Amino acid sequence: MASLSDIFGRRKVLVASMGFFVIGSIVGCVAHNMATLLAGRVIQGIGGGGLIPLAMIINTDIIPLRQRPKFGAIIQASMALGTILGPLIGGCFVDHTSSSTGWRWVFYINFPLSALAGLMLFVSIRFKNGGRKLRSVDWIGQVLFITSMSAFLIGLSWGGVQYSWDSYQTLVPLCLGVGGIIATGFWEFFGASHPFLRLSILTDRSSLAVYAGSIVQGIIMYGELYYISLYLQAVKLLSAVMNGVGVLPVSIVLLPTSIVVAFIISKTGRYRWALWCGWVATIAATGVTILLREHTSTAGWIFIFAFVGFGHGILYNALLFAAQASSPAKDVAYAASLYTFCRTLGFAIGVIIGGTVLQNFMATRLGDLGLPTAIAHDAEGYISTLKTLPAGSALREGVMNAYVYGLDSIFEVMTGIGALGLLATPFVASRTMDKSLETDHVVQGAKDDA
């Protein structure tokens, strides 16, 4: 997105991204089969893939790095709030709309929000940008990168779930994905005249450590959010709405923590302390989630979820601004864009890893208890059946025990992955945040030296 918006202008790409998001929502609304629904989600994904990083990219154009955390915290907080409120709003749709058509409200709700965002964009600041020619777009690099990452994620999601890890259905997309990513790297370094990935941020050890940490945090954060939600549904047997309410402690602590940390970083000009503290707190909080059980008290799981929010709240802005401080001032927009990609990639990997671990460990426990292992292959779908089983029955107790065992295994794996983020922190250098703005995109009406 940083590369495309450099060529076509920030505002044009932002408007185009919003257009894709709205079109995808329309396709989803009118869908009557899975193929159409998936097509709508893909179009939405293209739009969302532009909206998310461009907000931070524009922030890098108009605000100096030292002051940027205070304003970036608002953007980050809004993203976190949306991530947390999504299950609550979705739960309301599930519980209070028709089971056959209520899911369409997931798309309907986008229209008033998009209209409001479009109005704000129309009256907002405009940029002066000389732009570059269309041939400056690195088409080969971007196609290679997108197709390679898609193949890799497909293979990762199939492995151990739909197909065995040693099957050709899993190995072929994995190998194609890895090979394509390597080919993308060679093309960006040696073939592209206008690489969409800035080489300066790919050859800096500090930047690479930050991006690695961003992927790790994405894996843990979204993996935890997804599977503590599953814990509330499958183990605590909460309704869809109450499940959304149940994850609110994460956001109630995460949002103010991230804002306070951003202000401290802006005030002191230092960010490494937040990385160290954030990783220690996040690893500890993830480790505590292993204690979640069927009989864990409400106060107990609320405290654990709040602890999770505290750890991620410290890291949420620290990693973003460490990435920007580690890059040259002229490449900071690319650094912000790559950080967003790495964290989003972590989101996808976190859910995939969790699903694989849950299915395999849950099946193992079901087999040990003499229960059908097929239940593990549709763990989420079986929740509705679980709620209908008589309280105290052997089947219900056994299945719930298997859910707890599988979820414990996920949180154990996530705790181990979190250690990788801590190990990457010593490689993050302490760089000055007192950098001047260097961008070709300036606000219309601003002075030439702005």
Protein backbone atom coordinates (compact mmCIF):
# COMPACT_ATOMS: atom_id res chain seq x y z
CA MET A 1 0.00 0.00 0.00
CA ALA A 2 2.86 2.39 0.70
CA SER A 3 4.22 1.79 -2.81
CA LEU A 4 0.87 2.13 -4.58
CA SER A 5 -0.07 5.26 -2.64
CA ASP A 6 3.31 6.77 -3.49
CA ILE A 7 2.48 6.33 -7.18
CA PHE A 8 -1.22 7.17 -7.27
CA GLY A 9 -1.54 9.36 -4.16
CA ARG A 10 -2.67 8.53 -0.64
CA ARG A 11 -6.21 9.81 -1.01
CA LYS A 12 -6.95 8.01 -4.30
CA VAL A 13 -5.78 4.66 -2.98
CA LEU A 14 -7.72 5.21 0.25
CA VAL A 15 -10.91 5.98 -1.69
CA ALA A 16 -10.35 2.96 -3.93
CA SER A 17 -9.84 0.73 -0.88
CA MET A 18 -13.07 1.95 0.64
CA GLY A 19 -14.83 1.32 -2.67
CA PHE A 20 -13.61 -2.30 -2.72
CA PHE A 21 -14.75 -2.75 0.86
CA VAL A 22 -18.27 -1.47 0.09
CA ILE A 23 -18.54 -3.54 -3.11
CA GLY A 24 -17.47 -6.63 -1.19
CA SER A 25 -20.15 -5.92 1.42
CA ILE A 26 -22.80 -5.63 -1.31
CA VAL A 27 -21.73 -8.95 -2.84
CA GLY A 28 -21.88 -10.56 0.60
CA CYS A 29 -25.37 -9.18 1.23
CA VAL A 30 -26.84 -10.67 -1.94
CA ALA A 31 -24.97 -13.98 -1.75
CA HIS A 32 -27.08 -17.15 -2.01
CA ASN A 33 -24.22 -19.65 -2.18
CA MET A 34 -20.82 -20.11 -0.61
CA ALA A 35 -18.88 -19.19 -3.77
CA THR A 36 -20.54 -15.76 -3.96
CA LEU A 37 -20.09 -15.21 -0.23
CA LEU A 38 -16.38 -16.04 -0.46
CA ALA A 39 -16.02 -13.73 -3.47
CA GLY A 40 -17.53 -10.90 -1.44
CA ARG A 41 -15.18 -11.60 1.45
CA VAL A 42 -12.19 -11.58 -0.91
CA ILE A 43 -13.20 -8.19 -2.34
CA GLN A 44 -13.73 -6.92 1.21
CA GLY A 45 -10.29 -8.20 2.11
CA ILE A 46 -8.72 -6.21 -0.72
CA GLY A 47 -10.40 -3.07 0.56
CA GLY A 48 -9.57 -3.75 4.19
CA GLY A 49 -5.97 -4.48 3.21
CA GLY A 50 -5.74 -0.89 2.01
CA LEU A 51 -7.74 0.86 4.73
CA ILE A 52 -5.80 -0.55 7.68
CA PRO A 53 -2.23 0.45 6.71
CA LEU A 54 -3.14 3.71 4.95
CA ALA A 55 -4.42 5.25 8.17
CA MET A 56 -0.97 4.82 9.71
CA ILE A 57 0.83 5.74 6.48
CA ILE A 58 -0.97 9.08 6.31
CA ASN A 59 -0.08 9.61 9.95
CA THR A 60 3.61 9.34 8.99
CA ASP A 61 3.15 12.05 6.35
CA ILE A 62 1.82 14.78 8.60
CA ILE A 63 3.18 14.17 12.11
CA PRO A 64 6.86 14.03 13.20
CA LEU A 65 7.96 10.72 14.71
CA ARG A 66 8.46 12.07 18.23
CA GLN A 67 4.84 13.28 18.39
CA ARG A 68 3.40 10.46 16.32
CA PRO A 69 2.73 7.94 19.14
CA LYS A 70 0.12 10.22 20.71
CA PHE A 71 -1.86 10.36 17.46
CA GLY A 72 -1.06 6.82 16.37
CA ALA A 73 -2.47 5.54 19.65
CA ILE A 74 -5.91 6.73 18.55
CA ILE A 75 -5.67 4.73 15.30
CA GLN A 76 -4.33 1.66 17.07
CA ALA A 77 -6.96 1.92 19.78
CA SER A 78 -9.77 2.11 17.23
CA MET A 79 -8.47 -1.03 15.52
CA ALA A 80 -8.22 -2.85 18.83
CA LEU A 81 -11.71 -1.69 19.81
CA GLY A 82 -13.14 -2.98 16.56
CA THR A 83 -11.42 -6.34 17.02
CA ILE A 84 -12.86 -6.73 20.52
CA LEU A 85 -16.37 -5.38 19.80
CA GLY A 86 -16.78 -7.56 16.71
CA PRO A 87 -17.75 -10.71 18.66
CA LEU A 88 -20.22 -8.72 20.79
CA ILE A 89 -21.97 -7.18 17.79
CA GLY A 90 -21.88 -10.48 15.91
CA GLY A 91 -23.37 -12.21 18.94
CA CYS A 92 -26.27 -9.76 18.95
CA PHE A 93 -26.95 -10.58 15.30
CA VAL A 94 -26.88 -14.31 16.03
CA ASP A 95 -29.19 -14.09 19.06
CA HIS A 96 -31.66 -11.49 17.83
CA THR A 97 -32.06 -12.02 14.09
CA SER A 98 -33.33 -14.81 11.85
CA SER A 99 -31.05 -17.82 11.73
CA SER A 100 -31.41 -18.02 7.94
CA THR A 101 -30.77 -14.37 7.02
CA GLY A 102 -29.42 -12.75 10.20
CA TRP A 103 -25.83 -13.34 9.15
CA ARG A 104 -26.32 -10.75 6.39
CA TRP A 105 -26.30 -8.07 9.09
CA VAL A 106 -22.56 -8.62 9.30
CA PHE A 107 -22.49 -6.92 5.90
CA TYR A 108 -25.38 -4.50 6.39
CA ILE A 109 -23.65 -2.82 9.32
CA ASN A 110 -20.79 -1.80 7.04
CA PHE A 111 -22.91 0.59 4.99
CA PRO A 112 -23.66 3.31 7.58
CA LEU A 113 -20.10 3.07 8.90
CA SER A 114 -18.67 3.33 5.37
CA ALA A 115 -20.95 6.28 4.60
CA LEU A 116 -19.72 8.10 7.70
CA ALA A 117 -16.09 7.31 6.86
CA GLY A 118 -16.63 8.45 3.27
CA LEU A 119 -18.10 11.75 4.41
CA MET A 120 -15.18 12.36 6.76
CA LEU A 121 -12.73 11.50 3.98
CA PHE A 122 -14.47 13.91 1.60
CA VAL A 123 -14.08 16.87 3.95
CA SER A 124 -10.65 15.84 5.29
CA ILE A 125 -7.21 17.05 4.31
CA ARG A 126 -5.93 16.60 0.77
CA PHE A 127 -2.38 15.91 -0.33
CA LYS A 128 -0.19 17.45 -2.96
CA ASN A 129 1.73 14.71 -4.70
CA GLY A 130 3.55 14.85 -8.01
CA GLY A 131 3.07 11.10 -8.43
CA ARG A 132 4.99 8.71 -10.63
CA LYS A 133 4.21 6.85 -13.83
CA LEU A 134 2.12 3.69 -13.92
CA ARG A 135 5.11 1.65 -15.01
CA SER A 136 6.67 2.40 -11.64
CA VAL A 137 4.33 -0.19 -10.09
CA ASP A 138 6.23 -3.36 -9.24
CA TRP A 139 3.61 -5.70 -10.72
CA ILE A 140 5.85 -8.78 -10.79
CA GLY A 141 6.96 -8.41 -7.18
CA GLN A 142 3.47 -7.78 -5.85
CA VAL A 143 1.88 -10.69 -7.76
CA LEU A 144 4.69 -13.01 -6.64
CA PHE A 145 4.32 -11.93 -3.04
CA ILE A 146 0.52 -12.16 -2.84
CA THR A 147 0.28 -15.56 -4.56
CA SER A 148 3.15 -16.98 -2.50
CA MET A 149 1.70 -15.87 0.83
CA SER A 150 -1.74 -17.18 -0.17
CA ALA A 151 -0.30 -20.59 -1.08
CA PHE A 152 1.70 -20.76 2.14
CA LEU A 153 -1.32 -19.94 4.31
CA ILE A 154 -3.50 -22.45 2.45
CA GLY A 155 -0.94 -25.20 3.07
CA LEU A 156 -0.58 -24.18 6.69
CA SER A 157 -4.34 -24.23 7.24
CA TRP A 158 -4.74 -27.65 5.58
CA GLY A 159 -1.86 -29.35 7.39
CA GLY A 160 -2.97 -31.67 10.17
CA VAL A 161 -6.63 -30.64 9.73
CA GLN A 162 -7.98 -31.46 6.28
CA TYR A 163 -4.90 -33.40 5.18
CA SER A 164 -1.90 -34.92 6.92
CA TRP A 165 1.30 -32.90 7.08
CA ASP A 166 3.12 -35.34 4.78
CA SER A 167 0.40 -35.34 2.11
CA TYR A 168 0.93 -33.68 -1.26
CA GLN A 169 -2.14 -31.48 -0.65
CA THR A 170 -0.26 -29.87 2.24
CA LEU A 171 3.33 -30.00 1.00
CA VAL A 172 2.73 -28.61 -2.49
CA PRO A 173 1.19 -25.26 -1.42
CA LEU A 174 3.70 -24.96 1.44
CA CYS A 175 6.65 -25.50 -0.89
CA LEU A 176 5.19 -23.22 -3.56
CA GLY A 177 4.61 -20.55 -0.94
CA VAL A 178 8.10 -20.72 0.53
CA GLY A 179 9.69 -20.89 -2.92
CA GLY A 180 7.63 -17.94 -4.10
CA ILE A 181 8.58 -15.83 -1.08
CA ILE A 182 12.26 -16.56 -1.73
CA ALA A 183 11.76 -15.67 -5.41
CA THR A 184 10.08 -12.42 -4.35
CA GLY A 185 13.12 -11.55 -2.25
CA PHE A 186 15.49 -12.15 -5.16
CA TRP A 187 13.30 -10.09 -7.47
CA GLU A 188 13.09 -7.19 -5.03
CA PHE A 189 16.85 -7.15 -4.49
CA PHE A 190 18.11 -7.82 -7.99
CA GLY A 191 15.31 -7.42 -10.55
CA ALA A 192 12.83 -4.70 -9.61
CA SER A 193 13.60 -1.15 -10.75
CA HIS A 194 11.02 0.24 -8.28
CA PRO A 195 10.69 -2.46 -5.55
CA PHE A 196 7.47 -2.34 -3.54
CA LEU A 197 9.52 -3.42 -0.51
CA ARG A 198 12.14 -0.87 0.52
CA LEU A 199 15.47 -2.67 0.77
CA SER A 200 16.68 -0.32 3.51
CA ILE A 201 14.16 -1.75 5.98
CA LEU A 202 14.84 -5.34 4.96
CA THR A 203 18.59 -5.19 5.52
CA ASP A 204 18.51 -3.55 8.95
CA ARG A 205 18.84 -6.03 11.84
CA SER A 206 16.81 -3.87 14.20
CA SER A 207 13.93 -3.55 11.73
CA LEU A 208 13.86 -7.29 11.04
CA ALA A 209 13.72 -8.00 14.79
CA VAL A 210 10.75 -5.64 15.15
CA TYR A 211 8.88 -7.25 12.23
CA ALA A 212 9.54 -10.71 13.67
CA GLY A 213 8.12 -9.48 16.99
CA SER A 214 5.10 -8.07 15.17
CA ILE A 215 4.32 -11.45 13.62
CA VAL A 216 4.72 -13.14 17.00
CA GLN A 217 2.43 -10.64 18.72
CA GLY A 218 -0.16 -11.07 15.96
CA ILE A 219 -0.06 -14.86 16.42
CA ILE A 220 -0.50 -14.64 20.18
CA MET A 221 -2.98 -11.76 20.32
CA TYR A 222 -5.46 -13.02 17.75
CA GLY A 223 -4.93 -16.63 18.76
CA GLU A 224 -5.81 -15.73 22.35
CA LEU A 225 -8.81 -13.60 21.39
CA TYR A 226 -10.18 -16.34 19.14
CA TYR A 227 -9.71 -19.20 21.56
CA ILE A 228 -10.67 -17.51 24.81
CA SER A 229 -13.91 -16.77 22.96
CA LEU A 230 -14.17 -20.48 22.18
CA TYR A 231 -13.49 -21.22 25.86
CA LEU A 232 -16.44 -19.05 26.88
CA GLN A 233 -18.73 -20.78 24.38
CA ALA A 234 -17.65 -24.40 24.75
CA VAL A 235 -16.61 -24.58 28.40
CA LYS A 236 -18.61 -21.82 30.06
CA LEU A 237 -21.51 -22.37 27.62
CA LEU A 238 -22.22 -18.65 27.27
CA SER A 239 -24.59 -17.33 24.62
CA ALA A 240 -23.23 -15.44 21.61
CA VAL A 241 -24.00 -12.05 23.18
CA MET A 242 -22.55 -12.95 26.58
CA ASN A 243 -19.49 -14.34 24.84
CA GLY A 244 -18.94 -10.90 23.33
CA VAL A 245 -19.40 -9.33 26.75
CA GLY A 246 -16.97 -11.87 28.21
CA VAL A 247 -14.02 -10.71 26.10
CA LEU A 248 -14.59 -7.03 26.96
CA PRO A 249 -12.08 -7.13 29.89
CA VAL A 250 -9.35 -7.49 27.27
CA SER A 251 -10.26 -4.21 25.55
CA ILE A 252 -11.13 -2.38 28.76
CA VAL A 253 -7.50 -2.80 29.85
CA LEU A 254 -5.76 -2.92 26.46
CA LEU A 255 -7.02 0.43 25.15
CA PRO A 256 -6.01 2.72 28.04
CA THR A 257 -2.74 0.83 28.51
CA SER A 258 -1.76 1.30 24.86
CA ILE A 259 -2.61 5.02 25.01
CA VAL A 260 -0.63 5.60 28.20
CA VAL A 261 2.38 3.74 26.76
CA ALA A 262 2.17 5.82 23.57
CA PHE A 263 2.23 9.07 25.55
CA ILE A 264 5.22 7.89 27.60
CA ILE A 265 7.10 6.92 24.42
CA SER A 266 6.33 10.32 22.91
CA LYS A 267 7.40 12.12 26.09
CA THR A 268 10.66 10.25 26.64
CA GLY A 269 11.58 9.35 23.06
CA ARG A 270 12.36 5.79 24.23
CA TYR A 271 10.58 2.60 23.26
CA ARG A 272 12.81 -0.38 24.18
CA TRP A 273 11.58 -0.38 27.78
CA ALA A 274 8.06 -0.98 26.50
CA LEU A 275 9.22 -3.92 24.38
CA TRP A 276 10.90 -5.61 27.35
CA CYS A 277 8.01 -4.97 29.75
CA GLY A 278 5.40 -5.83 27.12
CA TRP A 279 6.88 -9.19 26.22
CA VAL A 280 7.37 -10.21 29.83
CA ALA A 281 3.76 -9.25 30.67
CA THR A 282 2.36 -10.87 27.52
CA ILE A 283 4.19 -14.16 28.07
CA ALA A 284 3.10 -14.22 31.72
CA ALA A 285 -0.52 -13.46 30.80
CA THR A 286 -0.54 -16.12 28.08
CA GLY A 287 0.89 -18.60 30.55
CA VAL A 288 -1.88 -17.80 33.04
CA THR A 289 -4.54 -18.65 30.42
CA ILE A 290 -3.39 -22.28 30.74
CA LEU A 291 -5.14 -22.26 34.14
CA LEU A 292 -8.60 -21.78 32.60
CA ARG A 293 -10.89 -24.65 33.58
CA GLU A 294 -14.56 -25.56 33.56
CA HIS A 295 -14.97 -24.41 37.15
CA THR A 296 -12.82 -21.26 36.94
CA SER A 297 -14.79 -18.49 38.66
CA THR A 298 -16.11 -15.51 36.74
CA ALA A 299 -13.79 -13.21 38.69
CA GLY A 300 -10.91 -15.52 37.84
CA TRP A 301 -11.32 -15.50 34.08
CA ILE A 302 -12.09 -11.77 34.05
CA PHE A 303 -8.75 -11.15 35.80
CA ILE A 304 -6.93 -13.41 33.34
CA PHE A 305 -8.48 -11.67 30.32
CA ALA A 306 -7.63 -8.24 31.77
CA PHE A 307 -4.03 -9.41 32.27
CA VAL A 308 -3.93 -10.45 28.60
CA GLY A 309 -5.13 -6.98 27.60
CA PHE A 310 -2.48 -5.35 29.78
CA GLY A 311 0.39 -7.25 28.15
CA HIS A 312 -0.74 -6.61 24.59
CA GLY A 313 -1.58 -3.01 25.45
CA ILE A 314 2.08 -2.35 26.25
CA LEU A 315 3.29 -3.96 23.00
CA TYR A 316 0.57 -2.61 20.73
CA ASN A 317 2.15 0.77 20.01
CA ALA A 318 5.72 0.00 21.09
CA LEU A 319 6.34 -2.33 18.14
CA LEU A 320 4.84 0.08 15.62
CA PHE A 321 7.01 3.01 16.62
CA ALA A 322 10.09 0.85 17.10
CA ALA A 323 9.65 -0.13 13.44
CA GLN A 324 9.40 3.51 12.37
CA ALA A 325 12.33 4.62 14.51
CA SER A 326 14.48 1.79 13.10
CA SER A 327 13.91 2.86 9.48
CA PRO A 328 15.26 5.88 7.57
CA ALA A 329 12.91 8.86 7.73
CA LYS A 330 12.18 8.66 3.99
CA ASP A 331 11.05 5.03 4.33
CA VAL A 332 8.89 5.34 7.44
CA ALA A 333 5.62 4.89 5.49
CA TYR A 334 6.93 1.58 4.14
CA ALA A 335 7.94 0.57 7.66
CA ALA A 336 4.43 1.29 8.96
CA SER A 337 2.88 -0.66 6.08
CA LEU A 338 5.17 -3.67 6.58
CA TYR A 339 4.49 -3.65 10.31
CA THR A 340 0.74 -3.81 9.61
CA PHE A 341 1.25 -6.68 7.19
CA CYS A 342 3.40 -8.63 9.67
CA ARG A 343 0.87 -8.26 12.48
CA THR A 344 -2.02 -9.21 10.18
CA LEU A 345 -0.04 -12.22 8.94
CA GLY A 346 0.38 -13.19 12.58
CA PHE A 347 -3.40 -12.96 13.06
CA ALA A 348 -3.95 -15.53 10.29
CA ILE A 349 -1.19 -17.85 11.48
CA GLY A 350 -2.41 -17.67 15.09
CA VAL A 351 -5.88 -18.94 14.22
CA ILE A 352 -4.46 -21.63 11.93
CA ILE A 353 -2.00 -22.90 14.53
CA GLY A 354 -4.68 -22.86 17.20
CA GLY A 355 -7.10 -24.81 15.02
CA THR A 356 -4.52 -27.47 14.25
CA VAL A 357 -3.52 -27.85 17.91
CA LEU A 358 -7.13 -27.91 19.12
CA GLN A 359 -8.24 -30.56 16.66
CA ASN A 360 -5.31 -32.89 17.26
CA PHE A 361 -5.11 -32.65 21.05
CA MET A 362 -8.86 -32.69 21.49
CA ALA A 363 -9.09 -35.82 19.33
CA THR A 364 -6.38 -37.47 21.44
CA ARG A 365 -8.26 -36.81 24.66
CA LEU A 366 -11.58 -37.95 23.18
CA GLY A 367 -9.91 -41.18 22.07
CA ASP A 368 -8.46 -41.72 25.55
CA LEU A 369 -11.95 -41.31 27.00
CA GLY A 370 -13.50 -43.69 24.50
CA LEU A 371 -15.54 -40.97 22.82
CA PRO A 372 -15.93 -40.27 19.07
CA THR A 373 -12.86 -38.41 17.79
CA ALA A 374 -14.98 -36.98 14.94
CA ILE A 375 -16.24 -34.39 17.43
CA ALA A 376 -12.81 -32.71 17.31
CA HIS A 377 -13.03 -32.26 13.53
CA ASP A 378 -16.01 -29.94 14.00
CA ALA A 379 -15.16 -28.56 17.43
CA GLU A 380 -16.90 -25.23 16.94
CA GLY A 381 -19.97 -26.68 15.27
CA TYR A 382 -20.41 -29.25 18.06
CA ILE A 383 -20.90 -26.53 20.69
CA SER A 384 -24.61 -26.23 19.90
CA THR A 385 -24.97 -29.99 20.43
CA LEU A 386 -22.95 -29.84 23.64
CA LYS A 387 -25.39 -27.34 25.13
CA THR A 388 -28.27 -29.77 24.62
CA LEU A 389 -26.61 -32.67 26.45
CA PRO A 390 -27.93 -33.44 29.96
CA ALA A 391 -25.90 -31.81 32.75
CA GLY A 392 -23.67 -34.35 34.46
CA SER A 393 -23.88 -36.90 31.65
CA ALA A 394 -20.71 -38.85 30.86
CA LEU A 395 -20.69 -37.62 27.25
CA ARG A 396 -21.03 -33.97 28.22
CA GLU A 397 -18.35 -34.16 30.91
CA GLY A 398 -15.98 -36.04 28.62
CA VAL A 399 -16.39 -33.66 25.69
CA MET A 400 -15.96 -30.63 27.92
CA ASN A 401 -12.82 -32.19 29.38
CA ALA A 402 -11.52 -32.62 25.83
CA TYR A 403 -12.25 -28.96 25.04
CA VAL A 404 -10.31 -27.85 28.12
CA TYR A 405 -7.39 -30.13 27.22
CA GLY A 406 -7.27 -28.83 23.65
CA LEU A 407 -7.50 -25.18 24.71
CA ASP A 408 -4.79 -25.68 27.34
CA SER A 409 -2.55 -27.08 24.63
CA ILE A 410 -3.18 -24.01 22.45
CA PHE A 411 -2.25 -21.62 25.25
CA GLU A 412 0.87 -23.66 26.03
CA VAL A 413 1.96 -23.38 22.40
CA MET A 414 1.19 -19.65 22.37
CA THR A 415 3.28 -19.13 25.51
CA GLY A 416 6.22 -20.84 23.84
CA ILE A 417 5.79 -18.73 20.70
CA GLY A 418 5.76 -15.60 22.87
CA ALA A 419 9.27 -16.43 24.02
CA LEU A 420 10.42 -15.86 20.43
CA GLY A 421 9.29 -12.24 20.67
CA LEU A 422 11.28 -11.75 23.85
CA LEU A 423 14.35 -13.33 22.22
CA ALA A 424 14.09 -10.88 19.31
CA THR A 425 14.04 -7.82 21.60
CA PRO A 426 17.83 -7.60 22.27
CA PHE A 427 18.33 -7.13 18.52
CA VAL A 428 16.11 -4.01 18.46
CA ALA A 429 18.43 -1.01 18.53
CA SER A 430 17.75 2.18 20.46
CA ARG A 431 17.30 4.81 17.75
CA THR A 432 16.40 8.46 18.09
CA MET A 433 12.79 9.46 17.56
CA ASP A 434 13.69 13.08 16.87
CA LYS A 435 13.50 12.78 13.10
CA SER A 436 12.28 15.34 10.62
CA LEU A 437 9.50 14.57 8.16
CA GLU A 438 10.72 13.37 4.75
CA THR A 439 7.77 12.75 2.44
CA ASP A 440 6.58 13.66 -1.04
CA HIS A 441 3.02 13.87 0.32
CA VAL A 442 2.22 17.22 1.92
CA VAL A 443 -1.10 18.70 2.96
CA GLN A 444 -2.60 21.08 0.45
CA GLY A 445 -2.12 24.62 1.65
CA ALA A 446 0.96 23.73 3.70
CA LYS A 447 4.15 25.65 3.25
CA ASP A 448 6.79 24.20 0.97
CA ASP A 449 9.10 23.60 3.93
CA ALA A 450 6.42 21.79 5.94
